[in-house]
Protein backbone atom coordinates (compact mmCIF):
# COMPACT_ATOMS: atom_id res chain seq x y z
CA MET A 1 -15.05 2.52 10.66
CA ASP A 2 -13.28 1.23 7.59
CA VAL A 3 -12.96 -2.06 5.77
CA LYS A 4 -9.34 -3.23 5.81
CA CYS A 5 -7.57 -5.82 3.70
CA LYS A 6 -5.00 -8.31 4.97
CA LEU A 7 -3.42 -8.76 1.54
CA ARG A 8 -0.05 -7.50 2.75
CA ASP A 9 0.04 -10.17 5.49
CA TYR A 10 -0.77 -12.99 3.08
CA MET A 11 1.74 -11.72 0.53
CA ASP A 12 4.48 -11.41 3.15
CA ASN A 13 3.79 -14.95 4.38
CA GLN A 14 4.24 -16.30 0.85
CA ASP A 15 7.00 -13.87 -0.14
CA LEU A 16 5.00 -12.53 -3.10
CA THR A 17 5.36 -9.14 -4.75
CA GLN A 18 2.51 -6.93 -5.88
CA GLN A 19 3.49 -7.65 -9.50
CA GLU A 20 3.32 -11.40 -8.90
CA VAL A 21 -0.13 -11.15 -7.32
CA ALA A 22 -1.32 -8.96 -10.21
CA ALA A 23 -0.04 -11.50 -12.74
CA ARG A 24 -1.55 -14.49 -10.93
CA THR A 25 -4.97 -12.88 -10.46
CA GLY A 26 -5.21 -10.94 -13.71
CA LEU A 27 -5.91 -7.79 -11.69
CA SER A 28 -4.12 -4.53 -12.39
CA PRO A 29 -1.08 -3.58 -10.32
CA THR A 30 -2.98 -0.43 -9.30
CA ILE A 31 -5.79 -2.47 -7.74
CA ILE A 32 -3.30 -4.72 -5.95
CA GLY A 33 -1.41 -1.67 -4.66
CA ARG A 34 -4.58 -0.08 -3.30
CA LEU A 35 -5.56 -3.26 -1.46
CA TYR A 36 -2.00 -3.77 -0.21
CA HIS A 37 -1.87 -0.25 1.26
CA ASN A 38 -5.55 -0.18 2.34
CA ARG A 39 -6.26 2.79 0.10
CA PHE A 40 -9.52 1.63 -1.46
CA SER A 41 -13.06 2.90 -1.06
CA ARG A 42 -14.96 0.13 -2.86
CA LEU A 43 -14.63 -3.58 -3.38
CA ASP A 44 -15.53 -5.24 -6.67
CA ASN A 45 -16.97 -8.76 -6.40
CA GLN A 46 -14.59 -10.21 -8.98
CA THR A 47 -11.59 -8.58 -7.31
CA VAL A 48 -12.51 -10.07 -3.95
CA ILE A 49 -13.10 -13.51 -5.46
CA LYS A 50 -9.76 -13.52 -7.30
CA ILE A 51 -7.78 -12.39 -4.25
CA CYS A 52 -9.46 -14.87 -1.92
CA LYS A 53 -9.07 -17.74 -4.39
CA LEU A 54 -5.37 -17.01 -4.88
CA PHE A 55 -4.71 -17.37 -1.16
CA ASN A 56 -7.42 -19.99 -0.60
CA VAL A 57 -9.11 -17.94 2.12
CA SER A 58 -12.63 -16.72 2.84
CA LEU A 59 -13.84 -13.15 2.53
CA GLY A 60 -13.72 -12.81 6.33
CA ASP A 61 -10.11 -13.99 6.40
CA MET A 62 -8.98 -11.39 3.85
CA PHE A 63 -11.15 -8.40 4.84
CA PHE A 64 -12.30 -7.04 8.20
CA ILE A 65 -14.00 -3.99 9.66
CA ASP A 66 -11.62 -1.75 11.58
CA GLU A 67 -13.66 -0.22 14.37
CA GLU A 68 -10.81 1.78 15.94
CA ASP A 69 -11.80 5.09 14.39
CA GLU A 70 -15.34 5.56 15.67
CA SER A 71 -15.37 9.32 14.88
CA GLU A 72 -16.55 8.79 11.29
């Protein structure tokens, strides 16, 4: 099981680039890229808050548990 981020979906819906999201949230482009590509292992509280506030969504709207890979 992994936690996944729907950042890509929200960005695509609003036609935003990773650079634009980084600038609007004050987060580094590296952090945005990791969330965008679901290549993160930890979530920082402030990162989650900034991303959710930018898109005006709840934590459960932006992140979910992917239960497809039950082998881990």
